[in-house]
Amino acid sequence: MGWWTFLQDEVLGMRWLSRLIGQGLTALGLDVSGRLGGSVLFFLYDTVKILVLLGVLIFLISYVQSFFPPERSRRILGRFHGLGANCVAALLGTVTPFCSCSSIPLFIGFTSAGLPLGVTFSFLISSPMVDLGSLVLLMSVFGGRVAVVYVVLGLVIAVLGGTLIERLHLEGEVEEFIRRATMADGPQEQLRIRDRLRYAWGQVVQTARKVLPYVLVGVALGAVIHNWIPEAFIVGLLGENNPFGVVLAALAGIPMYADIFGTIPIAEALLAKGAQLGVVLAFMMGVTTLSLPSMIMLRKAVKPKLLGIFIAICTVGIMLVGYFFNAISPLLL
């Protein structure tokens, strides 16, 4: 076993944990190769794995994020112009909150501060779609090549989407109270290492409380898909014989609300049952980027025309990414 395989399987994928839980369930008399035992194994293993990775990732990323409070992020973005500003905004989105609902308040603050609309939308697209946590979690399930390509394409959607919105000159489609608001420009407190560690731990606790229900629901759905839904059904609906699988997956993800931590176990189970890679990733992008609750929140800040254009850009981009992954999946898996 090479070092990369060991990192992917035993460290990120925590396969040792699956073996340990399987041995424990077998000792208790549960057949882990059967439907019930397999479901229990899937639920326990994925729940513990995701929560452990979640805790470590959020702690590390929140520590980094403590160096980028909203006002400092605004100043950084304000130094760039044109396409470069969109690229920086998309990259900055990778070290910000983990779901679209928590990104929208920052988007509103940046817009209120007078940043170009396209730049703020590049941030809004990338923040839930391609945060650093998604990179590590995707590596733990799909491998490094899939994770890197996913993040790169997510950043491309963010940059191109924000650039297109900028070219359409839709500033008048932002609600008036957002355009008239101002962001405070006071001095930023210099945090000590202890303060940053305390902040990072607080973010772990806060995020864990918020996402735990979605993780449990996601893992439970993944266990059902993995052990109870016939493989032929998944293949027929989301396999290569259905050219509209990507469209179905992207649209199915929109009414849901979850983040990357809740969608990973569902995606993992769908892929194991024969769904195409692009279909699975399109579903994940749809859930994390275009969830119904976040669109309701965004509607309070922008008018219907801009909201519709944003949804259309993201939906088309997600579908293109899905079909692209379907085409290159033999090279990645």
Foldseek 3Di string as FASTA:
>chain_A
DDPQCCCQCCVLLVVVLLVVVLVVVVVVVDDCVALVNVLVSLLVSLLVSLLVLLLVVLLVLLLVCVVPDLLNLLVVLVVDDDLVSLLSLLVVLQSDDAFLQRLVVSLLQSVLAPRQQLSSQLNSQNNNQAHPSQLSNCCNQQNNVVSVVSNVLSNVLSSVLSNVVNVVPVNVQWDPVSNNHHDDNDDDDDDDPVRSSVSSNVSSVVVCVVQVVLLSVLSSLLSCLQRPDALVVLCVQQNPVDPCLLVVLLVVQQQAEHGSNNLSSNLSSSVVSHGAPLSSSSNRSSNRNRHPVSLVVVCVGGPPVVSVSSVVSSNVSSSVSSVVCNVCVVVRD
